[in-house]
Amino acid sequence: MTEQGYSGTKAAAIVGITYRQLDYWARTDLIRPSLADASGSGSRRLYSYRDLLELRVIKSLLDAGIKLESVRTAFEYLRTHVVTDIASAHLVISGSDVILCDGEQLIDVMRRGGQGVLNVLAIGGVKSGLDSTIVEFAGASSTGTSSTRHAAI
């Protein structure tokens, strides 16, 4: 089965970011398109479903107030330590801290004095939202059909 690819323009629209953000993130190696990278003038990037999921997680972290450099650090860790399904991971966001919750208790985090609001970003929920947006785009697209079948993440 060949995986569906998404152009940079379509990927940015689906994820809810600007093309300029997407381009910057690719040029600065935050996330590179895994199906086809730009290789010179006139070439086009092609993003996979997993790339879209990672982009949506990045956007969610930024929307939660995490600085871009912290997002970079978090993603370096995720790519190194989460080798299975990224959608099953949970990130704990407290102020500017991003902590991976891998089934261990959050006791140490809660004992830090209970300062600030503690949010849990379930990446599975981000995945569901992304899937819905892709289906909407497929229905609104007049340039052919789109499949919502994806390779295992």
C-alpha atoms as a PDB file:
ATOM      1  CA  MET A   1       0.000   0.000   0.000  1.00  0.00           C
ATOM      2  CA  THR A   2       1.379   3.395  -0.972  1.00  0.00           C
ATOM      3  CA  GLU A   3       0.995   6.028   1.702  1.00  0.00           C
ATOM      4  CA  GLN A   4      -0.962   9.162   0.874  1.00  0.00           C
ATOM      5  CA  GLY A   5       1.215  12.243   0.606  1.00  0.00           C
ATOM      6  CA  TYR A   6       0.260  15.837   1.349  1.00  0.00           C
ATOM      7  CA  SER A   7       1.781  18.893  -0.310  1.00  0.00           C
ATOM      8  CA  GLY A   8       3.190  21.626   1.897  1.00  0.00           C
ATOM      9  CA  THR A   9       0.224  23.886   1.181  1.00  0.00           C
ATOM     10  CA  LYS A  10      -2.292  21.170   2.000  1.00  0.00           C
ATOM     11  CA  ALA A  11      -0.342  20.018   5.087  1.00  0.00           C
ATOM     12  CA  ALA A  12      -0.252  23.558   6.477  1.00  0.00           C
ATOM     13  CA  ALA A  13      -3.988  24.012   5.896  1.00  0.00           C
ATOM     14  CA  ILE A  14      -4.887  20.653   7.466  1.00  0.00           C
ATOM     15  CA  VAL A  15      -2.713  21.252  10.534  1.00  0.00           C
ATOM     16  CA  GLY A  16      -3.880  24.853  10.953  1.00  0.00           C
ATOM     17  CA  ILE A  17      -0.575  26.658  10.508  1.00  0.00           C
ATOM     18  CA  THR A  18       0.734  29.020   7.878  1.00  0.00           C
ATOM     19  CA  TYR A  19       2.832  27.781   4.979  1.00  0.00           C
ATOM     20  CA  ARG A  20       5.529  30.154   6.198  1.00  0.00           C
ATOM     21  CA  GLN A  21       5.633  28.352   9.581  1.00  0.00           C
ATOM     22  CA  LEU A  22       5.794  24.987   7.845  1.00  0.00           C
ATOM     23  CA  ASP A  23       8.619  26.160   5.605  1.00  0.00           C
ATOM     24  CA  TYR A  24      10.565  27.573   8.569  1.00  0.00           C
ATOM     25  CA  TRP A  25      10.149  24.373  10.586  1.00  0.00           C
ATOM     26  CA  ALA A  26      11.390  22.317   7.621  1.00  0.00           C
ATOM     27  CA  ARG A  27      14.360  24.607   6.922  1.00  0.00           C
ATOM     28  CA  THR A  28      15.386  24.581  10.608  1.00  0.00           C
ATOM     29  CA  ASP A  29      14.993  20.782  10.907  1.00  0.00           C
ATOM     30  CA  LEU A  30      12.167  20.826  13.454  1.00  0.00           C
ATOM     31  CA  ILE A  31      10.272  18.513  11.138  1.00  0.00           C
ATOM     32  CA  ARG A  32      11.250  17.457   7.658  1.00  0.00           C
ATOM     33  CA  PRO A  33       8.774  15.879   5.245  1.00  0.00           C
ATOM     34  CA  SER A  34       9.360  12.139   5.225  1.00  0.00           C
ATOM     35  CA  LEU A  35       7.986  11.328   1.767  1.00  0.00           C
ATOM     36  CA  ALA A  36       9.784  13.972  -0.316  1.00  0.00           C
ATOM     37  CA  ASP A  37      11.936  16.874   0.809  1.00  0.00           C
ATOM     38  CA  ALA A  38      12.553  20.012  -1.203  1.00  0.00           C
ATOM     39  CA  SER A  39      15.683  19.498  -3.271  1.00  0.00           C
ATOM     40  CA  GLY A  40      16.026  22.765  -5.124  1.00  0.00           C
ATOM     41  CA  SER A  41      14.029  25.387  -6.912  1.00  0.00           C
ATOM     42  CA  GLY A  42      10.651  24.138  -8.058  1.00  0.00           C
ATOM     43  CA  SER A  43      10.731  20.912  -6.046  1.00  0.00           C
ATOM     44  CA  ARG A  44       7.891  20.146  -3.674  1.00  0.00           C
ATOM     45  CA  ARG A  45       7.809  18.757  -0.179  1.00  0.00           C
ATOM     46  CA  LEU A  46       5.529  15.803   0.439  1.00  0.00           C
ATOM     47  CA  TYR A  47       4.366  15.101   3.995  1.00  0.00           C
ATOM     48  CA  SER A  48       3.162  11.758   5.367  1.00  0.00           C
ATOM     49  CA  TYR A  49       0.283  11.213   7.764  1.00  0.00           C
ATOM     50  CA  ARG A  50       2.775  10.762  10.627  1.00  0.00           C
ATOM     51  CA  ASP A  51       4.365  14.091   9.650  1.00  0.00           C
ATOM     52  CA  LEU A  52       0.924  15.729   9.879  1.00  0.00           C
ATOM     53  CA  LEU A  53       0.400  14.201  13.306  1.00  0.00           C
ATOM     54  CA  GLU A  54       3.760  15.538  14.502  1.00  0.00           C
ATOM     55  CA  LEU A  55       2.956  18.957  13.013  1.00  0.00           C
ATOM     56  CA  ARG A  56      -0.384  19.018  14.842  1.00  0.00           C
ATOM     57  CA  VAL A  57       1.344  18.084  18.119  1.00  0.00           C
ATOM     58  CA  ILE A  58       3.880  20.876  17.576  1.00  0.00           C
ATOM     59  CA  LYS A  59       1.044  23.336  16.952  1.00  0.00           C
ATOM     60  CA  SER A  60      -0.769  22.114  20.101  1.00  0.00           C
ATOM     61  CA  LEU A  61       2.366  22.632  22.190  1.00  0.00           C
ATOM     62  CA  LEU A  62       2.857  26.129  20.795  1.00  0.00           C
ATOM     63  CA  ASP A  63      -0.837  26.908  21.399  1.00  0.00           C
ATOM     64  CA  ALA A  64      -0.349  25.768  25.019  1.00  0.00           C
ATOM     65  CA  GLY A  65       2.328  28.453  25.419  1.00  0.00           C
ATOM     66  CA  ILE A  66       5.437  26.300  25.051  1.00  0.00           C
ATOM     67  CA  LYS A  67       8.305  28.170  23.398  1.00  0.00           C
ATOM     68  CA  LEU A  68       9.564  26.876  20.069  1.00  0.00           C
ATOM     69  CA  GLU A  69      12.988  25.936  21.467  1.00  0.00           C
ATOM     70  CA  SER A  70      11.297  23.871  24.189  1.00  0.00           C
ATOM     71  CA  VAL A  71       9.157  22.203  21.512  1.00  0.00           C
ATOM     72  CA  ARG A  72      12.354  21.327  19.634  1.00  0.00           C
ATOM     73  CA  THR A  73      13.820  19.763  22.770  1.00  0.00           C
ATOM     74  CA  ALA A  74      10.609  17.847  23.476  1.00  0.00           C
ATOM     75  CA  PHE A  75      10.521  16.485  19.923  1.00  0.00           C
ATOM     76  CA  GLU A  76      14.158  15.416  20.031  1.00  0.00           C
ATOM     77  CA  TYR A  77      13.269  13.429  23.135  1.00  0.00           C
ATOM     78  CA  LEU A  78      10.060  11.997  21.627  1.00  0.00           C
ATOM     79  CA  ARG A  79      11.814  10.889  18.454  1.00  0.00           C
ATOM     80  CA  THR A  80      14.541   9.225  20.493  1.00  0.00           C
ATOM     81  CA  HIS A  81      12.423   7.574  23.193  1.00  0.00           C
ATOM     82  CA  VAL A  82       8.976   6.928  21.677  1.00  0.00           C
ATOM     83  CA  VAL A  83       9.680   4.320  19.045  1.00  0.00           C
ATOM     84  CA  THR A  84       6.156   2.883  18.967  1.00  0.00           C
ATOM     85  CA  ASP A  85       2.904   4.720  18.368  1.00  0.00           C
ATOM     86  CA  ILE A  86       3.390   8.427  19.099  1.00  0.00           C
ATOM     87  CA  ALA A  87      -0.388   8.829  19.370  1.00  0.00           C
ATOM     88  CA  SER A  88      -0.385   6.713  22.534  1.00  0.00           C
ATOM     89  CA  ALA A  89       1.984   9.105  24.309  1.00  0.00           C
ATOM     90  CA  HIS A  90       0.816  11.727  26.777  1.00  0.00           C
ATOM     91  CA  LEU A  91       2.635  14.964  27.352  1.00  0.00           C
ATOM     92  CA  VAL A  92       2.349  16.783  30.643  1.00  0.00           C
ATOM     93  CA  ILE A  93       2.530  20.539  30.234  1.00  0.00           C
ATOM     94  CA  SER A  94       3.208  22.659  33.293  1.00  0.00           C
ATOM     95  CA  GLY A  95       4.302  26.204  32.675  1.00  0.00           C
ATOM     96  CA  SER A  96       7.260  25.839  30.348  1.00  0.00           C
ATOM     97  CA  ASP A  97       7.916  22.194  31.273  1.00  0.00           C
ATOM     98  CA  VAL A  98       6.996  19.398  28.895  1.00  0.00           C
ATOM     99  CA  ILE A  99       7.152  15.933  30.406  1.00  0.00           C
ATOM    100  CA  LEU A 100       6.437  12.631  28.743  1.00  0.00           C
ATOM    101  CA  CYS A 101       3.987  10.531  30.715  1.00  0.00           C
ATOM    102  CA  ASP A 102       4.768   6.932  29.870  1.00  0.00           C
ATOM    103  CA  GLY A 103       2.561   5.207  32.426  1.00  0.00           C
ATOM    104  CA  GLU A 104       4.615   6.257  35.432  1.00  0.00           C
ATOM    105  CA  GLN A 105       2.969   8.212  38.230  1.00  0.00           C
ATOM    106  CA  LEU A 106       3.069  12.001  38.179  1.00  0.00           C
ATOM    107  CA  ILE A 107       3.836  12.258  41.868  1.00  0.00           C
ATOM    108  CA  ASP A 108       7.110  14.152  41.441  1.00  0.00           C
ATOM    109  CA  VAL A 109       5.469  16.729  39.216  1.00  0.00           C
ATOM    110  CA  MET A 110       2.570  17.295  41.599  1.00  0.00           C
ATOM    111  CA  ARG A 111       4.873  17.661  44.630  1.00  0.00           C
ATOM    112  CA  ARG A 112       6.641  20.646  43.111  1.00  0.00           C
ATOM    113  CA  GLY A 113       4.279  22.786  45.144  1.00  0.00           C
ATOM    114  CA  GLY A 114       1.240  22.532  42.917  1.00  0.00           C
ATOM    115  CA  GLN A 115       2.178  25.767  41.191  1.00  0.00           C
ATOM    116  CA  GLY A 116       0.335  26.598  37.993  1.00  0.00           C
ATOM    117  CA  VAL A 117      -2.150  24.611  35.995  1.00  0.00           C
ATOM    118  CA  LEU A 118      -1.237  21.116  34.908  1.00  0.00           C
ATOM    119  CA  ASN A 119      -2.539  20.077  31.493  1.00  0.00           C
ATOM    120  CA  VAL A 120      -2.242  16.692  29.831  1.00  0.00           C
ATOM    121  CA  LEU A 121      -2.119  16.651  26.049  1.00  0.00           C
ATOM    122  CA  ALA A 122      -3.276  13.241  24.866  1.00  0.00           C
ATOM    123  CA  ILE A 123      -1.701  12.863  21.455  1.00  0.00           C
ATOM    124  CA  GLY A 124      -4.426  10.346  20.592  1.00  0.00           C
ATOM    125  CA  GLY A 125      -6.916  13.231  20.813  1.00  0.00           C
ATOM    126  CA  VAL A 126      -4.734  15.300  18.513  1.00  0.00           C
ATOM    127  CA  LYS A 127      -4.691  12.324  16.125  1.00  0.00           C
ATOM    128  CA  SER A 128      -8.509  12.115  16.140  1.00  0.00           C
ATOM    129  CA  GLY A 129      -8.793  15.825  15.387  1.00  0.00           C
ATOM    130  CA  LEU A 130      -6.280  15.502  12.566  1.00  0.00           C
ATOM    131  CA  ASP A 131      -8.208  12.558  11.096  1.00  0.00           C
ATOM    132  CA  SER A 132     -11.429  14.604  11.138  1.00  0.00           C
ATOM    133  CA  THR A 133      -9.754  17.548   9.425  1.00  0.00           C
ATOM    134  CA  ILE A 134      -8.307  15.285   6.722  1.00  0.00           C
ATOM    135  CA  VAL A 135     -11.775  13.836   6.061  1.00  0.00           C
ATOM    136  CA  GLU A 136     -13.194  17.375   5.808  1.00  0.00           C
ATOM    137  CA  PHE A 137     -10.472  18.380   3.358  1.00  0.00           C
ATOM    138  CA  ALA A 138     -11.052  15.253   1.304  1.00  0.00           C
ATOM    139  CA  GLY A 139     -14.749  16.048   1.061  1.00  0.00           C
ATOM    140  CA  ALA A 140     -14.123  19.682   0.131  1.00  0.00           C
ATOM    141  CA  SER A 141     -11.387  18.899  -2.377  1.00  0.00           C
ATOM    142  CA  SER A 142     -12.371  19.121  -5.986  1.00  0.00           C
ATOM    143  CA  THR A 143      -9.030  17.812  -7.243  1.00  0.00           C
ATOM    144  CA  GLY A 144      -9.593  14.103  -6.811  1.00  0.00           C
ATOM    145  CA  THR A 145     -10.192  11.702  -4.016  1.00  0.00           C
ATOM    146  CA  SER A 146      -8.296  11.318  -0.776  1.00  0.00           C
ATOM    147  CA  SER A 147      -7.933   8.273   1.390  1.00  0.00           C
ATOM    148  CA  THR A 148      -8.026   8.372   5.156  1.00  0.00           C
ATOM    149  CA  ARG A 149      -6.206   5.059   5.477  1.00  0.00           C
ATOM    150  CA  HIS A 150      -2.871   5.572   7.079  1.00  0.00           C
ATOM    151  CA  ALA A 151       0.162   3.499   7.794  1.00  0.00           C
ATOM    152  CA  ALA A 152       0.555   2.481  11.424  1.00  0.00           C
ATOM    153  CA  ILE A 153       2.081   5.256  13.457  1.00  0.00           C
END
